[in-house]
Protein backbone atom coordinates (compact mmCIF):
# COMPACT_ATOMS: atom_id res chain seq x y z
CA UNK A 1 18.97 -10.16 -15.89
CA UNK A 2 16.83 -8.77 -12.90
CA UNK A 3 14.65 -11.80 -11.67
CA UNK A 4 10.98 -10.93 -11.08
CA UNK A 5 10.63 -13.19 -7.91
CA UNK A 6 13.19 -13.18 -5.02
CA UNK A 7 16.28 -15.34 -5.31
CA UNK A 8 16.85 -18.01 -2.92
CA UNK A 9 20.10 -17.88 -0.82
CA UNK A 10 20.07 -20.98 1.23
CA UNK A 11 17.49 -23.32 2.45
CA UNK A 12 16.91 -24.34 6.38
CA UNK A 13 15.09 -27.35 6.30
CA UNK A 14 11.88 -26.78 4.31
CA UNK A 15 12.47 -22.89 4.67
CA UNK A 16 13.80 -21.10 1.87
CA UNK A 17 15.82 -17.90 3.03
CA UNK A 18 15.86 -15.27 -0.14
CA UNK A 19 17.74 -12.02 -0.58
CA UNK A 20 14.67 -9.98 0.08
CA UNK A 21 14.13 -11.98 3.44
CA UNK A 22 17.65 -11.07 4.58
CA UNK A 23 16.84 -7.41 3.53
CA UNK A 24 13.83 -7.45 5.40
CA UNK A 25 16.40 -8.68 8.55
CA UNK A 26 18.58 -5.91 7.74
CA UNK A 27 15.52 -3.14 7.91
CA UNK A 28 14.18 -4.31 11.18
CA UNK A 29 18.01 -4.23 12.37
CA UNK A 30 18.28 -0.64 11.11
CA UNK A 31 14.89 0.06 13.11
CA UNK A 32 16.01 -1.27 16.59
CA UNK A 33 19.02 0.86 16.08
CA UNK A 34 17.14 4.19 15.50
CA UNK A 35 14.86 3.00 18.32
CA UNK A 36 18.04 2.46 20.75
CA UNK A 37 19.70 5.74 19.45
CA UNK A 38 16.95 7.97 19.83
CA UNK A 39 15.86 6.45 23.11
CA UNK A 40 19.41 7.34 24.56
CA UNK A 41 20.14 10.69 22.77
CA UNK A 42 16.63 12.51 23.40
CA UNK A 43 17.09 14.89 26.24
CA UNK A 44 14.98 17.75 27.94
CA UNK A 45 16.98 20.28 26.07
CA UNK A 46 16.92 18.83 22.74
CA UNK A 47 19.69 18.41 20.46
CA UNK A 48 19.94 19.33 16.69
CA UNK A 49 19.03 15.62 15.83
CA UNK A 50 16.22 15.69 18.26
CA UNK A 51 14.63 18.62 16.83
CA UNK A 52 14.75 17.09 13.48
CA UNK A 53 12.73 14.04 14.79
CA UNK A 54 10.41 15.88 16.29
CA UNK A 55 9.61 18.20 13.57
CA UNK A 56 9.08 15.10 11.33
CA UNK A 57 7.02 13.41 13.93
CA UNK A 58 4.81 16.38 14.64
CA UNK A 59 4.23 17.27 10.92
CA UNK A 60 3.11 13.93 10.39
CA UNK A 61 0.90 13.63 13.38
CA UNK A 62 -0.75 17.01 12.47
CA UNK A 63 -1.37 15.36 8.97
CA UNK A 64 -3.06 12.39 10.41
CA UNK A 65 -5.00 14.70 13.22
CA UNK A 66 -6.36 16.74 9.96
CA UNK A 67 -7.96 13.47 8.56
CA UNK A 68 -8.84 11.46 11.51
CA UNK A 69 -9.66 13.76 14.14
CA UNK A 70 -10.38 12.43 17.47
CA UNK A 71 -8.85 8.77 15.99
CA UNK A 72 -5.57 10.26 15.33
CA UNK A 73 -4.02 8.43 18.58
CA UNK A 74 -5.13 5.05 17.13
CA UNK A 75 -4.10 5.66 13.63
CA UNK A 76 -0.89 7.58 14.07
CA UNK A 77 1.06 4.73 15.42
CA UNK A 78 -0.02 2.45 12.04
CA UNK A 79 0.50 5.35 9.72
CA UNK A 80 4.27 6.22 11.17
CA UNK A 81 5.11 2.53 11.48
CA UNK A 82 4.28 1.73 7.63
CA UNK A 83 5.72 4.63 6.64
CA UNK A 84 9.38 4.14 8.27
CA UNK A 85 9.43 0.53 7.60
CA UNK A 86 8.81 0.91 3.69
CA UNK A 87 10.86 3.93 3.10
CA UNK A 88 14.26 2.63 4.81
CA UNK A 89 13.01 -0.99 2.81
CA UNK A 90 12.81 1.05 -0.53
CA UNK A 91 16.17 2.92 0.38
CA UNK A 92 18.05 -0.11 1.22
CA UNK A 93 19.00 -1.12 -2.24
CA UNK A 94 20.38 2.52 -2.99
CA UNK A 95 23.13 1.84 -0.51
CA UNK A 96 26.43 1.94 -2.26
CA UNK A 97 27.69 -1.28 -2.72
CA UNK A 98 24.72 -2.94 -1.27
CA UNK A 99 23.45 -5.28 -4.21
CA UNK A 100 27.24 -5.69 -5.05
CA UNK A 101 27.71 -8.81 -2.81
CA UNK A 102 26.18 -12.02 -4.04
CA UNK A 103 26.79 -15.76 -3.86
CA UNK A 104 26.98 -18.08 -6.89
CA UNK A 105 23.59 -20.21 -7.13
CA UNK A 106 23.91 -22.65 -9.95
CA UNK A 107 25.32 -21.02 -13.07
CA UNK A 108 24.53 -17.67 -11.84
CA UNK A 109 25.75 -14.86 -9.09
CA UNK A 110 22.65 -14.34 -7.08
CA UNK A 111 22.61 -10.72 -5.13
CA UNK A 112 22.71 -11.08 -1.19
CA UNK A 113 20.60 -8.55 -0.70
CA UNK A 114 17.65 -7.18 -2.57
CA UNK A 115 15.11 -4.53 -1.57
CA UNK A 116 11.97 -6.15 0.43
CA UNK A 117 9.80 -4.26 -1.49
CA UNK A 118 10.78 -5.30 -4.61
CA UNK A 119 9.15 -8.72 -3.62
CA UNK A 120 5.48 -8.93 -4.42
CA UNK A 121 5.11 -11.42 -1.53
CA UNK A 122 6.39 -8.76 0.50
CA UNK A 123 4.61 -5.74 -0.67
CA UNK A 124 1.36 -8.00 -0.83
CA UNK A 125 1.99 -8.91 2.80
CA UNK A 126 2.05 -5.42 4.07
CA UNK A 127 -1.32 -4.60 1.92
CA UNK A 128 -2.86 -7.64 3.77
CA UNK A 129 -1.65 -6.41 7.54
CA UNK A 130 -2.80 -2.77 6.48
CA UNK A 131 -6.44 -4.18 5.66
CA UNK A 132 -6.45 -6.49 8.67
CA UNK A 133 -5.59 -3.84 10.90
CA UNK A 134 -7.89 -1.51 9.54
CA UNK A 135 -10.92 -3.85 10.01
CA UNK A 136 -9.88 -4.69 13.43
CA UNK A 137 -9.74 -1.38 14.36
CA UNK A 138 -12.90 -0.42 12.89
CA UNK A 139 -14.85 -3.26 14.79
CA UNK A 140 -13.17 -1.97 18.18
CA UNK A 141 -14.44 1.67 17.47
CA UNK A 142 -17.60 1.31 15.87
CA UNK A 143 -18.65 -2.11 17.41
CA UNK A 144 -19.49 -5.35 15.66
CA UNK A 145 -23.02 -4.12 14.79
CA UNK A 146 -22.27 -0.88 13.23
CA UNK A 147 -19.27 -2.60 11.51
CA UNK A 148 -21.63 -5.38 10.05
CA UNK A 149 -24.20 -2.88 8.71
CA UNK A 150 -21.48 -1.09 6.41
CA UNK A 151 -21.44 -4.40 4.06
CA UNK A 152 -25.17 -6.06 5.18
CA UNK A 153 -28.55 -4.54 4.97
CA UNK A 154 -32.27 -5.35 4.58
CA UNK A 155 -32.50 -2.38 2.06
CA UNK A 156 -31.66 -3.82 -1.44
CA UNK A 157 -30.07 -0.75 -2.47
CA UNK A 158 -27.71 -0.79 0.68
CA UNK A 159 -26.94 -4.22 0.47
CA UNK A 160 -25.79 -3.87 -3.51
CA UNK A 161 -23.62 -0.86 -2.21
CA UNK A 162 -22.01 -3.16 0.67
CA UNK A 163 -21.25 -5.97 -1.87
CA UNK A 164 -19.33 -3.10 -3.76
CA UNK A 165 -17.80 -2.27 -0.64
CA UNK A 166 -16.61 -5.92 0.02
CA UNK A 167 -15.07 -5.81 -3.35
CA UNK A 168 -13.58 -2.87 -2.92
CA UNK A 169 -11.60 -3.79 0.11
CA UNK A 170 -10.15 -6.76 -1.88
CA UNK A 171 -9.32 -4.29 -4.80
CA UNK A 172 -7.41 -1.84 -2.21
CA UNK A 173 -4.94 -4.89 -1.39
CA UNK A 174 -4.32 -5.53 -4.83
CA UNK A 175 -3.70 -1.69 -5.58
CA UNK A 176 -1.63 -1.22 -2.64
CA UNK A 177 0.45 -4.07 -3.23
CA UNK A 178 1.12 -3.65 -6.79
CA UNK A 179 1.64 0.00 -6.78
CA UNK A 180 4.47 -0.54 -4.29
CA UNK A 181 5.98 -3.32 -5.79
CA UNK A 182 5.68 -2.19 -9.39
CA UNK A 183 7.39 1.31 -8.84
CA UNK A 184 10.42 -0.33 -6.58
CA UNK A 185 11.01 -3.05 -9.14
CA UNK A 186 11.01 -0.97 -12.29
CA UNK A 187 13.36 1.53 -10.15
CA UNK A 188 15.51 -1.09 -9.38
CA UNK A 189 15.50 -2.51 -12.97
CA UNK A 190 16.38 0.78 -14.67
CA UNK A 191 19.46 1.36 -12.24
CA UNK A 192 20.87 -2.08 -13.10
CA UNK A 193 20.50 -1.35 -16.68
CA UNK A 194 22.08 2.10 -16.24
CA UNK A 195 24.76 0.76 -14.03
CA UNK A 196 25.57 -2.03 -16.42
CA UNK A 197 26.16 0.52 -19.36
CA UNK A 198 28.41 3.24 -17.30
CA UNK A 199 29.19 2.76 -13.19
CA UNK A 200 30.23 6.56 -13.28
CA UNK A 201 28.19 9.89 -13.27
CA UNK A 202 25.46 8.44 -15.40
CA UNK A 203 23.36 6.55 -12.78
CA UNK A 204 23.52 9.50 -10.56
CA UNK A 205 20.23 11.32 -11.60
CA UNK A 206 18.66 7.79 -11.58
CA UNK A 207 19.77 7.41 -8.30
CA UNK A 208 18.62 10.57 -7.15
CA UNK A 209 15.12 9.59 -8.59
CA UNK A 210 14.84 6.49 -7.12
CA UNK A 211 15.64 8.23 -3.72
CA UNK A 212 12.57 10.48 -4.29
CA UNK A 213 10.55 7.46 -5.75
CA UNK A 214 11.18 5.52 -2.25
CA UNK A 215 9.88 8.35 -0.18
CA UNK A 216 6.67 9.13 -2.19
CA UNK A 217 5.62 5.21 -2.47
CA UNK A 218 6.37 5.06 1.37
CA UNK A 219 4.20 8.13 1.69
CA UNK A 220 1.60 6.56 -0.59
CA UNK A 221 1.01 3.58 1.22
CA UNK A 222 0.94 4.93 4.58
CA UNK A 223 -1.11 7.90 3.99
CA UNK A 224 -3.77 5.41 1.94
CA UNK A 225 -3.74 3.15 5.04
CA UNK A 226 -4.35 6.30 7.28
CA UNK A 227 -7.43 7.12 4.94
CA UNK A 228 -8.60 3.91 4.99
CA UNK A 229 -8.39 3.64 8.62
CA UNK A 230 -10.18 7.06 9.05
CA UNK A 231 -13.05 6.30 6.58
CA UNK A 232 -13.85 2.71 8.12
CA UNK A 233 -13.61 3.61 12.06
CA UNK A 234 -16.39 6.67 10.97
CA UNK A 235 -19.81 5.59 11.63
CA UNK A 236 -21.53 4.74 8.37
CA UNK A 237 -24.33 7.46 8.49
CA UNK A 238 -21.31 10.32 9.11
CA UNK A 239 -19.09 9.03 6.17
CA UNK A 240 -20.33 11.07 3.66
CA UNK A 241 -19.16 13.71 5.42
CA UNK A 242 -15.75 12.74 6.17
CA UNK A 243 -15.36 11.82 1.88
CA UNK A 244 -16.62 15.55 1.67
CA UNK A 245 -13.95 16.96 3.88
CA UNK A 246 -11.17 14.67 2.42
CA UNK A 247 -12.35 15.66 -1.30
CA UNK A 248 -12.44 19.57 -0.15
CA UNK A 249 -8.73 19.09 1.16
CA UNK A 250 -7.11 17.99 -1.85
């Protein structure tokens, strides 16, 4: 039986340490390891590994530049950070044996690790970070007056549109968090059921499917964040042209 909420592993005072929190620590350690390895192995004459890394980064940078234009240098670090972090979190549960370790909690055996993004608290936190970073970037880029004018106006029609935009900002958070959580959690449930039926060969197609789903969901979250940042850092009177450009590129 797969629990909808993260299972507690132990308590540190009043703080509950869950298996998804332990996975977050694991993801952070992987990221630190990648940073150290890449910083030590990058050379003037690139190796095969360095060429692959540079190709991926350049591809994502070009993609960001097509949408964000001159604001690429501000937006790209958020775009790439969200993508890499969520991708590793999505794939962490697919590591063979990763979910096999467990501890006895009451009458049940609780897995020691569980994908961070299968916890709605975690995906909601990521969505809130995305939204807050977007609005801070908007204020720093446009100025407080231009930022406020997006939502508040003396014109009744523009004021109504502004109220709709405020509601839209909350729906973005809900949409980002539930989309990521739903896909990752459902994938974990399917893999658990299939693995319970047969541990050999049968789960392989579903395992490969979850690799693709993990990649796609990380890309969707990161790209939506990038698009939201691009739109909210665009002056309000030029925003319509940006939206038209996004639609024409689809």
